[in-house]
Amino acid sequence: MTTTDTPRVRPAVRADLPGVVVLAAEHAAYERAPAPADGLAELLAGELFERAEPRLSCLVAELPGGALAGYATCTEEFGTWQGRPYLHLDCLYLRDEHRGLGLGARLVDAVLAEARARGLDEVQWNTPAWNEGAIRFYDRLGAARKEKQRYSLAVRPA
């Protein structure tokens, strides 16, 4: 941690994972979703730090003193209609008390930098239709809405 009083956004390190798991649980509860998977820290470690070419990127918003205020995760995907890859912002979450301080925009900037580093020219994401605060935030960023419903279907053994 630097000696400044300014929060920073940086790539997650292995020691951040317990805090990221706590944030992910808060995020899931906020979005009225099931709790994250058991052993999530180990699962994230495998994707972030143990693969030759990690699919997942995790960025954290760190407060002075080292506490985490939020996180963003993203993965590279392929858009069939566009015929090109893009970066999928899977999670973006800031604790309520740290919203409105510019950290969300800094996390998004870090995600955009990740996309540029990968040679990608677009980031896509979803947010619940009821999450008016997030929608206002994304609109202020200049993001374009794409009206769709997100579905999930569990794959059962044959």
C-alpha atoms as a PDB file:
ATOM      1  CA  MET A   1       0.000   0.000   0.000  1.00  0.00           C
ATOM      2  CA  THR A   2       1.296   3.455  -0.825  1.00  0.00           C
ATOM      3  CA  THR A   3       1.553   6.135   1.805  1.00  0.00           C
ATOM      4  CA  THR A   4      -1.122   8.292   0.142  1.00  0.00           C
ATOM      5  CA  ASP A   5      -4.669   8.614   1.385  1.00  0.00           C
ATOM      6  CA  THR A   6      -6.052   7.796  -2.053  1.00  0.00           C
ATOM      7  CA  PRO A   7      -7.755   4.492  -2.802  1.00  0.00           C
ATOM      8  CA  ARG A   8      -6.248   2.605  -5.711  1.00  0.00           C
ATOM      9  CA  VAL A   9      -7.401   0.062  -8.263  1.00  0.00           C
ATOM     10  CA  ARG A  10      -5.017  -2.768  -9.025  1.00  0.00           C
ATOM     11  CA  PRO A  11      -4.933  -6.400 -10.143  1.00  0.00           C
ATOM     12  CA  ALA A  12      -5.831  -8.815  -7.367  1.00  0.00           C
ATOM     13  CA  VAL A  13      -3.096 -10.870  -5.756  1.00  0.00           C
ATOM     14  CA  ARG A  14      -3.561 -14.238  -4.086  1.00  0.00           C
ATOM     15  CA  ALA A  15      -3.715 -12.625  -0.616  1.00  0.00           C
ATOM     16  CA  ASP A  16      -6.776 -10.605  -1.753  1.00  0.00           C
ATOM     17  CA  LEU A  17      -8.897 -13.666  -2.470  1.00  0.00           C
ATOM     18  CA  PRO A  18     -10.489 -14.064   0.983  1.00  0.00           C
ATOM     19  CA  GLY A  19     -11.601 -10.422   0.750  1.00  0.00           C
ATOM     20  CA  VAL A  20     -12.816 -10.883  -2.820  1.00  0.00           C
ATOM     21  CA  VAL A  21     -14.899 -13.867  -1.645  1.00  0.00           C
ATOM     22  CA  VAL A  22     -16.510 -11.694   1.052  1.00  0.00           C
ATOM     23  CA  LEU A  23     -17.240  -9.012  -1.550  1.00  0.00           C
ATOM     24  CA  ALA A  24     -18.645 -11.633  -3.938  1.00  0.00           C
ATOM     25  CA  ALA A  25     -20.999 -12.873  -1.201  1.00  0.00           C
ATOM     26  CA  GLU A  26     -22.141  -9.305  -0.528  1.00  0.00           C
ATOM     27  CA  HIS A  27     -22.581  -8.785  -4.276  1.00  0.00           C
ATOM     28  CA  ALA A  28     -24.661 -11.944  -4.635  1.00  0.00           C
ATOM     29  CA  ALA A  29     -26.858 -10.926  -1.694  1.00  0.00           C
ATOM     30  CA  TYR A  30     -27.263  -7.428  -3.151  1.00  0.00           C
ATOM     31  CA  GLU A  31     -28.372  -8.905  -6.484  1.00  0.00           C
ATOM     32  CA  ARG A  32     -30.695 -11.372  -4.722  1.00  0.00           C
ATOM     33  CA  ALA A  33     -28.733 -14.300  -6.126  1.00  0.00           C
ATOM     34  CA  PRO A  34     -27.571 -17.546  -4.531  1.00  0.00           C
ATOM     35  CA  ALA A  35     -24.416 -17.417  -2.418  1.00  0.00           C
ATOM     36  CA  PRO A  36     -21.104 -18.008  -4.192  1.00  0.00           C
ATOM     37  CA  ALA A  37     -19.703 -21.519  -4.544  1.00  0.00           C
ATOM     38  CA  ASP A  38     -18.038 -23.231  -1.614  1.00  0.00           C
ATOM     39  CA  GLY A  39     -14.267 -23.014  -1.883  1.00  0.00           C
ATOM     40  CA  LEU A  40     -14.506 -19.911  -4.078  1.00  0.00           C
ATOM     41  CA  ALA A  41     -11.095 -18.575  -3.043  1.00  0.00           C
ATOM     42  CA  GLU A  42      -9.419 -21.769  -4.259  1.00  0.00           C
ATOM     43  CA  LEU A  43     -11.474 -21.799  -7.459  1.00  0.00           C
ATOM     44  CA  LEU A  44     -10.514 -18.194  -8.177  1.00  0.00           C
ATOM     45  CA  ALA A  45      -6.865 -18.902  -7.379  1.00  0.00           C
ATOM     46  CA  GLY A  46      -6.885 -21.697  -9.936  1.00  0.00           C
ATOM     47  CA  GLU A  47      -8.253 -19.411 -12.646  1.00  0.00           C
ATOM     48  CA  LEU A  48      -6.214 -16.333 -11.759  1.00  0.00           C
ATOM     49  CA  PHE A  49      -2.828 -17.683 -10.747  1.00  0.00           C
ATOM     50  CA  GLU A  50      -2.422 -21.335 -11.744  1.00  0.00           C
ATOM     51  CA  ARG A  51      -3.291 -21.351 -15.446  1.00  0.00           C
ATOM     52  CA  ALA A  52      -0.622 -20.756 -18.080  1.00  0.00           C
ATOM     53  CA  GLU A  53      -3.056 -18.346 -19.774  1.00  0.00           C
ATOM     54  CA  PRO A  54      -5.621 -17.167 -17.215  1.00  0.00           C
ATOM     55  CA  ARG A  55      -9.151 -16.719 -18.555  1.00  0.00           C
ATOM     56  CA  LEU A  56     -10.202 -14.572 -15.622  1.00  0.00           C
ATOM     57  CA  SER A  57      -8.954 -11.155 -14.554  1.00  0.00           C
ATOM     58  CA  CYS A  58      -9.776  -9.697 -11.146  1.00  0.00           C
ATOM     59  CA  LEU A  59      -9.273  -6.071 -10.194  1.00  0.00           C
ATOM     60  CA  VAL A  60      -9.729  -4.703  -6.702  1.00  0.00           C
ATOM     61  CA  ALA A  61     -10.416  -1.260  -5.283  1.00  0.00           C
ATOM     62  CA  GLU A  62      -8.123  -0.973  -2.273  1.00  0.00           C
ATOM     63  CA  LEU A  63      -8.544   1.638   0.453  1.00  0.00           C
ATOM     64  CA  PRO A  64      -5.680   3.236   2.357  1.00  0.00           C
ATOM     65  CA  GLY A  65      -4.701   0.654   4.955  1.00  0.00           C
ATOM     66  CA  GLY A  66      -5.328  -2.250   2.591  1.00  0.00           C
ATOM     67  CA  ALA A  67      -9.073  -2.976   3.023  1.00  0.00           C
ATOM     68  CA  LEU A  68     -10.954  -3.837  -0.156  1.00  0.00           C
ATOM     69  CA  ALA A  69     -13.886  -1.607  -1.136  1.00  0.00           C
ATOM     70  CA  GLY A  70     -14.889  -3.468  -4.299  1.00  0.00           C
ATOM     71  CA  TYR A  71     -13.867  -5.648  -7.186  1.00  0.00           C
ATOM     72  CA  ALA A  72     -14.394  -6.341 -10.875  1.00  0.00           C
ATOM     73  CA  THR A  73     -13.891  -9.598 -12.748  1.00  0.00           C
ATOM     74  CA  CYS A  74     -13.820 -10.114 -16.492  1.00  0.00           C
ATOM     75  CA  THR A  75     -13.225 -12.830 -19.063  1.00  0.00           C
ATOM     76  CA  GLU A  76     -12.672 -12.867 -22.799  1.00  0.00           C
ATOM     77  CA  GLU A  77     -15.668 -14.058 -24.842  1.00  0.00           C
ATOM     78  CA  PHE A  78     -16.461 -14.335 -28.556  1.00  0.00           C
ATOM     79  CA  GLY A  79     -19.380 -12.523 -30.217  1.00  0.00           C
ATOM     80  CA  THR A  80     -20.708 -14.664 -33.017  1.00  0.00           C
ATOM     81  CA  TRP A  81     -22.654 -11.871 -34.741  1.00  0.00           C
ATOM     82  CA  GLN A  82     -19.729  -9.474 -34.568  1.00  0.00           C
ATOM     83  CA  GLY A  83     -17.256 -12.215 -35.478  1.00  0.00           C
ATOM     84  CA  ARG A  84     -14.768 -11.014 -32.886  1.00  0.00           C
ATOM     85  CA  PRO A  85     -13.841 -11.379 -29.229  1.00  0.00           C
ATOM     86  CA  TYR A  86     -14.832  -8.929 -26.510  1.00  0.00           C
ATOM     87  CA  LEU A  87     -14.267  -8.613 -22.778  1.00  0.00           C
ATOM     88  CA  HIS A  88     -17.177  -9.698 -20.611  1.00  0.00           C
ATOM     89  CA  LEU A  89     -17.393  -7.781 -17.345  1.00  0.00           C
ATOM     90  CA  ASP A  90     -18.818 -10.520 -15.155  1.00  0.00           C
ATOM     91  CA  CYS A  91     -18.872  -8.714 -11.805  1.00  0.00           C
ATOM     92  CA  LEU A  92     -18.538  -5.111 -10.710  1.00  0.00           C
ATOM     93  CA  TYR A  93     -19.283  -4.349  -7.082  1.00  0.00           C
ATOM     94  CA  LEU A  94     -18.497  -1.621  -4.591  1.00  0.00           C
ATOM     95  CA  ARG A  95     -19.647  -1.588  -1.001  1.00  0.00           C
ATOM     96  CA  ASP A  96     -22.418   0.946  -0.533  1.00  0.00           C
ATOM     97  CA  GLU A  97     -20.321   3.262   1.637  1.00  0.00           C
ATOM     98  CA  HIS A  98     -17.711   3.551  -1.136  1.00  0.00           C
ATOM     99  CA  ARG A  99     -20.107   4.372  -3.993  1.00  0.00           C
ATOM    100  CA  GLY A 100     -20.135   7.867  -5.408  1.00  0.00           C
ATOM    101  CA  LEU A 101     -16.412   8.393  -4.763  1.00  0.00           C
ATOM    102  CA  GLY A 102     -15.203   7.648  -8.286  1.00  0.00           C
ATOM    103  CA  LEU A 103     -14.013   4.108  -7.514  1.00  0.00           C
ATOM    104  CA  GLY A 104     -16.595   2.509  -9.811  1.00  0.00           C
ATOM    105  CA  ALA A 105     -15.381   4.578 -12.743  1.00  0.00           C
ATOM    106  CA  ARG A 106     -11.787   3.702 -11.844  1.00  0.00           C
ATOM    107  CA  LEU A 107     -12.666  -0.005 -11.808  1.00  0.00           C
ATOM    108  CA  VAL A 108     -14.340   0.363 -15.219  1.00  0.00           C
ATOM    109  CA  ASP A 109     -11.274   2.226 -16.513  1.00  0.00           C
ATOM    110  CA  ALA A 110      -9.121  -0.677 -15.316  1.00  0.00           C
ATOM    111  CA  VAL A 111     -11.416  -3.137 -17.125  1.00  0.00           C
ATOM    112  CA  LEU A 112     -11.132  -1.034 -20.295  1.00  0.00           C
ATOM    113  CA  ALA A 113      -7.341  -1.087 -19.899  1.00  0.00           C
ATOM    114  CA  GLU A 114      -7.524  -4.892 -19.589  1.00  0.00           C
ATOM    115  CA  ALA A 115      -9.512  -5.020 -22.833  1.00  0.00           C
ATOM    116  CA  ARG A 116      -6.947  -2.816 -24.591  1.00  0.00           C
ATOM    117  CA  ALA A 117      -4.096  -4.982 -23.255  1.00  0.00           C
ATOM    118  CA  ARG A 118      -5.803  -8.017 -24.781  1.00  0.00           C
ATOM    119  CA  GLY A 119      -6.299  -6.217 -28.117  1.00  0.00           C
ATOM    120  CA  LEU A 120     -10.085  -6.067 -27.661  1.00  0.00           C
ATOM    121  CA  ASP A 121     -12.245  -3.113 -28.607  1.00  0.00           C
ATOM    122  CA  GLU A 122     -15.435  -3.751 -26.628  1.00  0.00           C
ATOM    123  CA  VAL A 123     -16.582  -4.595 -23.101  1.00  0.00           C
ATOM    124  CA  GLN A 124     -20.055  -6.034 -22.474  1.00  0.00           C
ATOM    125  CA  TRP A 125     -21.950  -6.749 -19.229  1.00  0.00           C
ATOM    126  CA  ASN A 126     -25.368  -7.249 -17.667  1.00  0.00           C
ATOM    127  CA  THR A 127     -27.103  -5.703 -14.698  1.00  0.00           C
ATOM    128  CA  PRO A 128     -30.486  -6.491 -13.154  1.00  0.00           C
ATOM    129  CA  ALA A 129     -33.306  -4.355 -14.567  1.00  0.00           C
ATOM    130  CA  TRP A 130     -34.215  -3.226 -11.031  1.00  0.00           C
ATOM    131  CA  ASN A 131     -30.701  -1.926 -10.258  1.00  0.00           C
ATOM    132  CA  GLU A 132     -31.434   1.720 -11.050  1.00  0.00           C
ATOM    133  CA  GLY A 133     -28.240   2.996  -9.398  1.00  0.00           C
ATOM    134  CA  ALA A 134     -26.069   0.805 -11.621  1.00  0.00           C
ATOM    135  CA  ILE A 135     -28.106   1.759 -14.686  1.00  0.00           C
ATOM    136  CA  ARG A 136     -27.622   5.483 -13.953  1.00  0.00           C
ATOM    137  CA  PHE A 137     -23.887   4.859 -13.428  1.00  0.00           C
ATOM    138  CA  TYR A 138     -23.522   2.971 -16.723  1.00  0.00           C
ATOM    139  CA  ASP A 139     -25.557   5.619 -18.560  1.00  0.00           C
ATOM    140  CA  ARG A 140     -23.235   8.342 -17.169  1.00  0.00           C
ATOM    141  CA  LEU A 141     -20.270   6.371 -18.524  1.00  0.00           C
ATOM    142  CA  GLY A 142     -21.838   6.534 -21.979  1.00  0.00           C
ATOM    143  CA  ALA A 143     -22.467   2.791 -22.221  1.00  0.00           C
ATOM    144  CA  ALA A 144     -25.083   1.649 -24.753  1.00  0.00           C
ATOM    145  CA  ARG A 145     -27.954  -0.486 -23.499  1.00  0.00           C
ATOM    146  CA  LYS A 146     -28.862  -3.725 -25.204  1.00  0.00           C
ATOM    147  CA  GLU A 147     -32.273  -4.937 -24.105  1.00  0.00           C
ATOM    148  CA  LYS A 148     -32.112  -8.669 -23.457  1.00  0.00           C
ATOM    149  CA  GLN A 149     -33.034 -11.080 -20.718  1.00  0.00           C
ATOM    150  CA  ARG A 150     -30.293 -13.223 -19.245  1.00  0.00           C
ATOM    151  CA  TYR A 151     -31.073 -16.907 -18.787  1.00  0.00           C
ATOM    152  CA  SER A 152     -29.307 -19.708 -16.980  1.00  0.00           C
ATOM    153  CA  LEU A 153     -29.867 -23.428 -17.476  1.00  0.00           C
ATOM    154  CA  ALA A 154     -28.098 -26.057 -15.415  1.00  0.00           C
ATOM    155  CA  VAL A 155     -26.493 -28.874 -17.393  1.00  0.00           C
ATOM    156  CA  ARG A 156     -27.588 -32.171 -15.953  1.00  0.00           C
ATOM    157  CA  PRO A 157     -25.725 -35.441 -16.490  1.00  0.00           C
ATOM    158  CA  ALA A 158     -26.975 -37.396 -19.482  1.00  0.00           C
END
